[in-house]
Amino acid sequence: MTRYKLVNGVTTPLTPEEEQAFDDHAAAEASDLAENGYKYARAAEYPSIEDQLDEIYHNGIDAWKAIIKTTKDKYPKP
């Protein structure tokens, strides 16, 4: 299946080299997601640093650890 790019408002097919570069880039992204996907999921779900510090201040380290552990357990390392 031919892929296309937009050049000066004109749709143009990719060259074989561009197709290969596109495929290589997609493979690298898929590999990164497989290896590090849990990190991205955790980062999106953790409370903000401000909220984490507030939790520590008001409820102590053990309460903060419990909150963080919930996210870590939900998205374990592979």
N, C-alpha and C. Protein backbone atom coordinates (compact mmCIF):
# COMPACT_ATOMS: atom_id res chain seq x y z
N MET A 1 0.84 -1.17 0.00
CA MET A 1 0.00 0.00 0.00
C MET A 1 0.89 1.24 0.00
N THR A 2 0.68 2.08 -0.93
CA THR A 2 1.49 3.29 -1.06
C THR A 2 1.03 4.33 -0.05
N ARG A 3 1.99 4.96 0.58
CA ARG A 3 1.71 6.07 1.49
C ARG A 3 2.06 7.36 0.78
N TYR A 4 1.44 8.43 1.24
CA TYR A 4 1.61 9.71 0.57
C TYR A 4 2.05 10.77 1.55
N LYS A 5 2.63 11.84 1.01
CA LYS A 5 3.00 13.02 1.78
C LYS A 5 2.45 14.24 1.07
N LEU A 6 2.33 15.33 1.78
CA LEU A 6 1.83 16.57 1.23
C LEU A 6 3.01 17.50 1.00
N VAL A 7 3.24 17.90 -0.26
CA VAL A 7 4.33 18.79 -0.63
C VAL A 7 3.75 19.98 -1.36
N ASN A 8 3.86 21.15 -0.75
CA ASN A 8 3.33 22.38 -1.35
C ASN A 8 1.88 22.23 -1.77
N GLY A 9 1.09 21.59 -0.93
CA GLY A 9 -0.32 21.42 -1.20
C GLY A 9 -0.65 20.30 -2.18
N VAL A 10 0.34 19.53 -2.60
CA VAL A 10 0.13 18.46 -3.57
C VAL A 10 0.44 17.12 -2.89
N THR A 11 -0.47 16.17 -3.02
CA THR A 11 -0.26 14.84 -2.47
C THR A 11 0.68 14.06 -3.39
N THR A 12 1.80 13.57 -2.82
CA THR A 12 2.83 12.88 -3.58
C THR A 12 3.15 11.55 -2.91
N PRO A 13 3.34 10.48 -3.68
CA PRO A 13 3.70 9.20 -3.06
C PRO A 13 5.10 9.25 -2.44
N LEU A 14 5.28 8.50 -1.37
CA LEU A 14 6.59 8.41 -0.75
C LEU A 14 7.53 7.60 -1.64
N THR A 15 8.81 7.95 -1.59
CA THR A 15 9.81 7.16 -2.31
C THR A 15 10.07 5.88 -1.52
N PRO A 16 10.69 4.87 -2.13
CA PRO A 16 11.00 3.64 -1.38
C PRO A 16 11.85 3.91 -0.14
N GLU A 17 12.77 4.87 -0.23
CA GLU A 17 13.60 5.21 0.93
C GLU A 17 12.76 5.83 2.04
N GLU A 18 11.81 6.70 1.66
CA GLU A 18 10.94 7.31 2.65
C GLU A 18 10.02 6.27 3.28
N GLU A 19 9.54 5.33 2.46
CA GLU A 19 8.72 4.24 2.98
C GLU A 19 9.49 3.44 4.03
N GLN A 20 10.76 3.12 3.71
CA GLN A 20 11.59 2.34 4.64
C GLN A 20 11.84 3.12 5.92
N ALA A 21 12.13 4.42 5.79
CA ALA A 21 12.36 5.26 6.97
C ALA A 21 11.09 5.31 7.84
N PHE A 22 9.95 5.41 7.19
CA PHE A 22 8.67 5.43 7.91
C PHE A 22 8.48 4.12 8.67
N ASP A 23 8.72 3.00 8.01
CA ASP A 23 8.59 1.68 8.64
C ASP A 23 9.57 1.50 9.79
N ASP A 24 10.81 1.96 9.60
CA ASP A 24 11.82 1.86 10.66
C ASP A 24 11.40 2.68 11.88
N HIS A 25 10.89 3.87 11.63
CA HIS A 25 10.45 4.74 12.72
C HIS A 25 9.27 4.12 13.47
N ALA A 26 8.32 3.56 12.74
CA ALA A 26 7.16 2.91 13.35
C ALA A 26 7.60 1.71 14.20
N ALA A 27 8.57 0.94 13.71
CA ALA A 27 9.07 -0.22 14.46
C ALA A 27 9.77 0.24 15.74
N ALA A 28 10.53 1.32 15.65
CA ALA A 28 11.22 1.84 16.83
C ALA A 28 10.22 2.33 17.87
N GLU A 29 9.16 3.00 17.43
CA GLU A 29 8.13 3.46 18.37
C GLU A 29 7.41 2.29 19.02
N ALA A 30 7.11 1.25 18.26
CA ALA A 30 6.44 0.08 18.81
C ALA A 30 7.33 -0.62 19.85
N SER A 31 8.62 -0.70 19.56
CA SER A 31 9.56 -1.30 20.49
C SER A 31 9.65 -0.49 21.78
N ASP A 32 9.71 0.84 21.64
CA ASP A 32 9.77 1.71 22.80
C ASP A 32 8.52 1.57 23.66
N LEU A 33 7.36 1.51 23.02
CA LEU A 33 6.12 1.36 23.76
C LEU A 33 6.07 0.03 24.49
N ALA A 34 6.55 -1.03 23.86
CA ALA A 34 6.57 -2.34 24.50
C ALA A 34 7.48 -2.35 25.72
N GLU A 35 8.62 -1.67 25.63
CA GLU A 35 9.58 -1.65 26.73
C GLU A 35 9.21 -0.64 27.82
N ASN A 36 8.64 0.49 27.44
CA ASN A 36 8.44 1.58 28.39
C ASN A 36 7.00 2.01 28.55
N GLY A 37 6.07 1.28 28.00
CA GLY A 37 4.67 1.67 28.08
C GLY A 37 4.18 1.85 29.50
N TYR A 38 4.64 1.00 30.40
CA TYR A 38 4.21 1.11 31.79
C TYR A 38 4.65 2.45 32.39
N LYS A 39 5.79 2.98 31.97
CA LYS A 39 6.25 4.27 32.49
C LYS A 39 5.33 5.39 32.05
N TYR A 40 4.92 5.35 30.78
CA TYR A 40 4.03 6.38 30.26
C TYR A 40 2.67 6.32 30.93
N ALA A 41 2.17 5.11 31.15
CA ALA A 41 0.87 4.95 31.81
C ALA A 41 0.94 5.44 33.25
N ARG A 42 2.00 5.10 33.95
CA ARG A 42 2.17 5.55 35.33
C ARG A 42 2.24 7.07 35.40
N ALA A 43 3.07 7.66 34.54
CA ALA A 43 3.25 9.12 34.58
C ALA A 43 1.93 9.85 34.36
N ALA A 44 1.09 9.30 33.51
CA ALA A 44 -0.21 9.95 33.25
C ALA A 44 -1.15 9.82 34.43
N GLU A 45 -0.97 8.80 35.25
CA GLU A 45 -1.91 8.54 36.34
C GLU A 45 -1.44 9.05 37.70
N TYR A 46 -0.14 9.25 37.88
CA TYR A 46 0.33 9.76 39.17
C TYR A 46 -0.26 11.14 39.44
N PRO A 47 -0.50 11.45 40.71
CA PRO A 47 -0.92 12.82 41.05
C PRO A 47 0.23 13.79 40.74
N SER A 48 -0.10 15.06 40.63
CA SER A 48 0.94 16.06 40.39
C SER A 48 1.92 16.08 41.56
N ILE A 49 3.10 16.61 41.33
CA ILE A 49 4.10 16.71 42.40
C ILE A 49 3.55 17.52 43.57
N GLU A 50 2.84 18.59 43.26
CA GLU A 50 2.26 19.43 44.31
C GLU A 50 1.30 18.62 45.18
N ASP A 51 0.43 17.82 44.52
CA ASP A 51 -0.51 16.99 45.27
C ASP A 51 0.20 15.91 46.08
N GLN A 52 1.27 15.36 45.53
CA GLN A 52 2.02 14.35 46.26
C GLN A 52 2.68 14.95 47.50
N LEU A 53 3.26 16.13 47.35
CA LEU A 53 3.89 16.78 48.51
C LEU A 53 2.85 17.16 49.56
N ASP A 54 1.70 17.60 49.10
CA ASP A 54 0.61 17.93 50.03
C ASP A 54 0.17 16.68 50.79
N GLU A 55 0.07 15.56 50.10
CA GLU A 55 -0.30 14.29 50.74
C GLU A 55 0.72 13.92 51.81
N ILE A 56 2.00 14.05 51.50
CA ILE A 56 3.06 13.74 52.47
C ILE A 56 2.95 14.66 53.68
N TYR A 57 2.75 15.95 53.44
CA TYR A 57 2.68 16.92 54.53
C TYR A 57 1.51 16.64 55.46
N HIS A 58 0.33 16.38 54.88
CA HIS A 58 -0.87 16.22 55.69
C HIS A 58 -1.06 14.81 56.26
N ASN A 59 -0.61 13.79 55.52
CA ASN A 59 -0.92 12.42 55.93
C ASN A 59 0.30 11.53 56.12
N GLY A 60 1.48 12.03 55.83
CA GLY A 60 2.70 11.27 56.06
C GLY A 60 3.13 10.42 54.87
N ILE A 61 4.35 9.94 54.98
CA ILE A 61 4.97 9.16 53.91
C ILE A 61 4.22 7.86 53.63
N ASP A 62 3.75 7.20 54.67
CA ASP A 62 3.08 5.92 54.47
C ASP A 62 1.80 6.07 53.65
N ALA A 63 1.04 7.13 53.87
CA ALA A 63 -0.18 7.36 53.08
C ALA A 63 0.20 7.65 51.62
N TRP A 64 1.26 8.43 51.43
CA TRP A 64 1.72 8.74 50.07
C TRP A 64 2.16 7.46 49.36
N LYS A 65 2.92 6.62 50.07
CA LYS A 65 3.38 5.35 49.49
C LYS A 65 2.20 4.49 49.05
N ALA A 66 1.13 4.48 49.83
CA ALA A 66 -0.05 3.68 49.48
C ALA A 66 -0.68 4.18 48.19
N ILE A 67 -0.75 5.49 48.02
CA ILE A 67 -1.31 6.07 46.79
C ILE A 67 -0.44 5.71 45.59
N ILE A 68 0.86 5.86 45.72
CA ILE A 68 1.78 5.57 44.63
C ILE A 68 1.77 4.07 44.30
N LYS A 69 1.68 3.23 45.33
CA LYS A 69 1.68 1.78 45.12
C LYS A 69 0.48 1.34 44.30
N THR A 70 -0.64 1.99 44.47
CA THR A 70 -1.83 1.66 43.69
C THR A 70 -1.55 1.78 42.19
N THR A 71 -0.91 2.87 41.80
CA THR A 71 -0.58 3.09 40.40
C THR A 71 0.50 2.10 39.94
N LYS A 72 1.51 1.89 40.77
CA LYS A 72 2.56 0.94 40.42
C LYS A 72 2.01 -0.48 40.24
N ASP A 73 1.06 -0.86 41.08
CA ASP A 73 0.46 -2.19 40.96
C ASP A 73 -0.42 -2.30 39.71
N LYS A 74 -1.06 -1.19 39.35
CA LYS A 74 -1.93 -1.18 38.18
C LYS A 74 -1.11 -1.32 36.90
N TYR A 75 0.09 -0.74 36.87
CA TYR A 75 0.97 -0.77 35.70
C TYR A 75 2.34 -1.33 36.09
N PRO A 76 2.45 -2.65 36.29
CA PRO A 76 3.73 -3.23 36.72
C PRO A 76 4.79 -3.21 35.63
N LYS A 77 6.03 -3.29 36.05
CA LYS A 77 7.13 -3.41 35.09
C LYS A 77 7.00 -4.74 34.36
N PRO A 78 7.36 -4.77 33.07
CA PRO A 78 7.25 -6.04 32.34
C PRO A 78 8.28 -7.05 32.82
